C-alpha atoms as a PDB file:
ATOM      1  CA  LEU A   1       4.181  -8.813  -2.342  1.00  0.00           C
ATOM      2  CA  ILE A   2       3.256  -5.358  -1.092  1.00  0.00           C
ATOM      3  CA  VAL A   3       2.492  -3.114  -4.035  1.00  0.00           C
ATOM      4  CA  THR A   4       1.462   0.128  -2.301  1.00  0.00           C
ATOM      5  CA  VAL A   5       1.678   1.432   1.245  1.00  0.00           C
ATOM      6  CA  PHE A   6      -0.710   4.274   1.993  1.00  0.00           C
ATOM      7  CA  LYS A   7       0.537   7.258   3.979  1.00  0.00           C
ATOM      8  CA  ASN A   8      -0.351   7.080   7.713  1.00  0.00           C
ATOM      9  CA  SER A   9      -1.752   3.540   7.332  1.00  0.00           C
ATOM     10  CA  PRO A  10      -0.978   0.742   9.816  1.00  0.00           C
ATOM     11  CA  ALA A  11       1.433  -0.689   7.225  1.00  0.00           C
ATOM     12  CA  SER A  12       3.225   2.644   6.882  1.00  0.00           C
ATOM     13  CA  ILE A  13       3.426   3.080  10.651  1.00  0.00           C
ATOM     14  CA  ALA A  14       4.856  -0.455  10.970  1.00  0.00           C
ATOM     15  CA  GLY A  15       7.547   0.450   8.433  1.00  0.00           C
ATOM     16  CA  LEU A  16       6.346  -1.756   5.597  1.00  0.00           C
ATOM     17  CA  GLN A  17       7.388  -0.704   2.105  1.00  0.00           C
ATOM     18  CA  ALA A  18       6.305  -1.388  -1.449  1.00  0.00           C
ATOM     19  CA  GLY A  19       8.250  -4.429  -2.615  1.00  0.00           C
ATOM     20  CA  ASP A  20       8.276  -6.153   0.780  1.00  0.00           C
ATOM     21  CA  GLU A  21       7.171  -9.781   0.671  1.00  0.00           C
ATOM     22  CA  ILE A  22       5.146 -11.030   3.646  1.00  0.00           C
ATOM     23  CA  ILE A  23       6.325 -14.559   4.361  1.00  0.00           C
ATOM     24  CA  GLU A  24       4.691 -15.156   7.773  1.00  0.00           C
ATOM     25  CA  ILE A  25       1.917 -13.760   9.898  1.00  0.00           C
ATOM     26  CA  ASP A  26       1.942 -14.863  13.540  1.00  0.00           C
ATOM     27  CA  GLY A  27       4.003 -17.924  12.597  1.00  0.00           C
ATOM     28  CA  ILE A  28       1.736 -18.994   9.703  1.00  0.00           C
ATOM     29  CA  LEU A  29       3.630 -19.306   6.437  1.00  0.00           C
ATOM     30  CA  THR A  30       2.036 -16.972   3.898  1.00  0.00           C
ATOM     31  CA  LYS A  31       4.746 -16.822   1.256  1.00  0.00           C
ATOM     32  CA  ASN A  32       2.513 -18.349  -1.422  1.00  0.00           C
ATOM     33  CA  TYR A  33      -0.744 -16.711  -0.287  1.00  0.00           C
ATOM     34  CA  THR A  34      -2.703 -14.563  -2.689  1.00  0.00           C
ATOM     35  CA  SER A  35      -3.598 -11.071  -1.495  1.00  0.00           C
ATOM     36  CA  GLU A  36      -7.173 -12.309  -0.976  1.00  0.00           C
ATOM     37  CA  GLU A  37      -6.028 -15.250   1.194  1.00  0.00           C
ATOM     38  CA  PHE A  38      -3.818 -12.937   3.253  1.00  0.00           C
ATOM     39  CA  SER A  39      -6.640 -10.406   3.654  1.00  0.00           C
ATOM     40  CA  ASN A  40      -9.076 -13.114   4.778  1.00  0.00           C
ATOM     41  CA  LEU A  41      -6.570 -14.374   7.351  1.00  0.00           C
ATOM     42  CA  VAL A  42      -6.290 -10.897   8.874  1.00  0.00           C
ATOM     43  CA  LYS A  43     -10.020 -10.098   8.649  1.00  0.00           C
ATOM     44  CA  LYS A  44     -11.072 -13.334  10.375  1.00  0.00           C
ATOM     45  CA  SER A  45      -8.730 -12.748  13.306  1.00  0.00           C
ATOM     46  CA  ASN A  46      -9.873 -11.064  16.503  1.00  0.00           C
ATOM     47  CA  LYS A  47      -6.348  -9.872  17.274  1.00  0.00           C
ATOM     48  CA  ASP A  48      -5.425  -6.194  17.532  1.00  0.00           C
ATOM     49  CA  SER A  49      -1.892  -6.711  16.227  1.00  0.00           C
ATOM     50  CA  PHE A  50       0.054  -9.193  14.140  1.00  0.00           C
ATOM     51  CA  GLU A  51       3.698 -10.133  13.934  1.00  0.00           C
ATOM     52  CA  LEU A  52       4.778 -10.231  10.323  1.00  0.00           C
ATOM     53  CA  LYS A  53       7.970 -11.701   8.954  1.00  0.00           C
ATOM     54  CA  ILE A  54       8.856  -9.932   5.755  1.00  0.00           C
ATOM     55  CA  LEU A  55      11.526 -10.318   3.140  1.00  0.00           C
ATOM     56  CA  ARG A  56      13.134  -7.047   2.018  1.00  0.00           C
ATOM     57  CA  ASP A  57      16.219  -6.967  -0.179  1.00  0.00           C
ATOM     58  CA  GLU A  58      16.924 -10.645   0.610  1.00  0.00           C
ATOM     59  CA  GLU A  59      16.865  -9.921   4.372  1.00  0.00           C
ATOM     60  CA  GLU A  60      14.183 -11.225   6.742  1.00  0.00           C
ATOM     61  CA  LYS A  61      12.709  -8.712   9.199  1.00  0.00           C
ATOM     62  CA  LYS A  62       9.963  -8.898  11.817  1.00  0.00           C
ATOM     63  CA  VAL A  63       7.467  -6.076  12.202  1.00  0.00           C
ATOM     64  CA  ILE A  64       4.352  -5.574  14.312  1.00  0.00           C
ATOM     65  CA  LEU A  65       1.271  -4.516  12.379  1.00  0.00           C
ATOM     66  CA  LYS A  66      -1.484  -2.979  14.520  1.00  0.00           C
ATOM     67  CA  ARG A  67      -5.067  -3.174  13.323  1.00  0.00           C
ATOM     68  CA  SER A  68      -6.827   0.166  12.914  1.00  0.00           C
ATOM     69  CA  ILE A  69      -9.354   1.911  10.739  1.00  0.00           C
ATOM     70  CA  VAL A  70      -7.786   3.338   7.612  1.00  0.00           C
ATOM     71  CA  THR A  71      -9.137   6.559   6.174  1.00  0.00           C
ATOM     72  CA  LEU A  72      -7.979   7.360   2.676  1.00  0.00           C
ATOM     73  CA  ASP A  73      -7.999  10.864   1.269  1.00  0.00           C
ATOM     74  CA  SER A  74     -10.462  11.293  -1.532  1.00  0.00           C
ATOM     75  CA  VAL A  75      -9.291  12.366  -4.921  1.00  0.00           C
ATOM     76  CA  SER A  76     -10.184  15.822  -6.084  1.00  0.00           C
ATOM     77  CA  SER A  77      -9.876  17.329  -9.499  1.00  0.00           C
ATOM     78  CA  LYS A  78      -9.983  20.699 -11.148  1.00  0.00           C
ATOM     79  CA  ILE A  79     -10.587  21.481 -14.784  1.00  0.00           C
ATOM     80  CA  TYR A  80      -8.327  24.091 -16.274  1.00  0.00           C
ATOM     81  CA  GLU A  81      -9.384  26.049 -19.309  1.00  0.00           C
ATOM     82  CA  LYS A  82      -6.931  25.755 -22.162  1.00  0.00           C
ATOM     83  CA  LYS A  83      -5.872  29.037 -23.659  1.00  0.00           C
ATOM     84  CA  PHE A  84      -4.483  29.123 -27.150  1.00  0.00           C
ATOM     85  CA  ASN A  85      -2.377  31.791 -28.741  1.00  0.00           C
ATOM     86  CA  SER A  86      -3.220  32.454 -32.333  1.00  0.00           C
ATOM     87  CA  THR A  87      -0.636  33.598 -34.772  1.00  0.00           C
ATOM     88  CA  THR A  88      -0.977  34.798 -38.276  1.00  0.00           C
ATOM     89  CA  SER A  89       1.487  34.509 -41.064  1.00  0.00           C
ATOM     90  CA  ALA A  90       2.452  37.208 -43.498  1.00  0.00           C
ATOM     91  CA  ASN A  91       0.478  35.318 -46.166  1.00  0.00           C
ATOM     92  CA  ASP A  92      -2.882  35.720 -44.341  1.00  0.00           C
END
């Protein structure tokens, strides 16, 4: 089951979506594969592209996934200073 598809990744370009279930890769049934087993299958291959059969909303679809280097944006952060308003009561 695809959990996340990164923007501009091969999966995104192929049209894969979070929630899609990959049931075949190049004719090999992968429906019960763990993510690690699926990853190893792809990593060990010398192919530049793969034909995936996916299940989306109870409909089977075929997509071509092209291998490429994925660059993810790094996360940046900024610390904001909290500003508090003080109030006084008439009893102070």
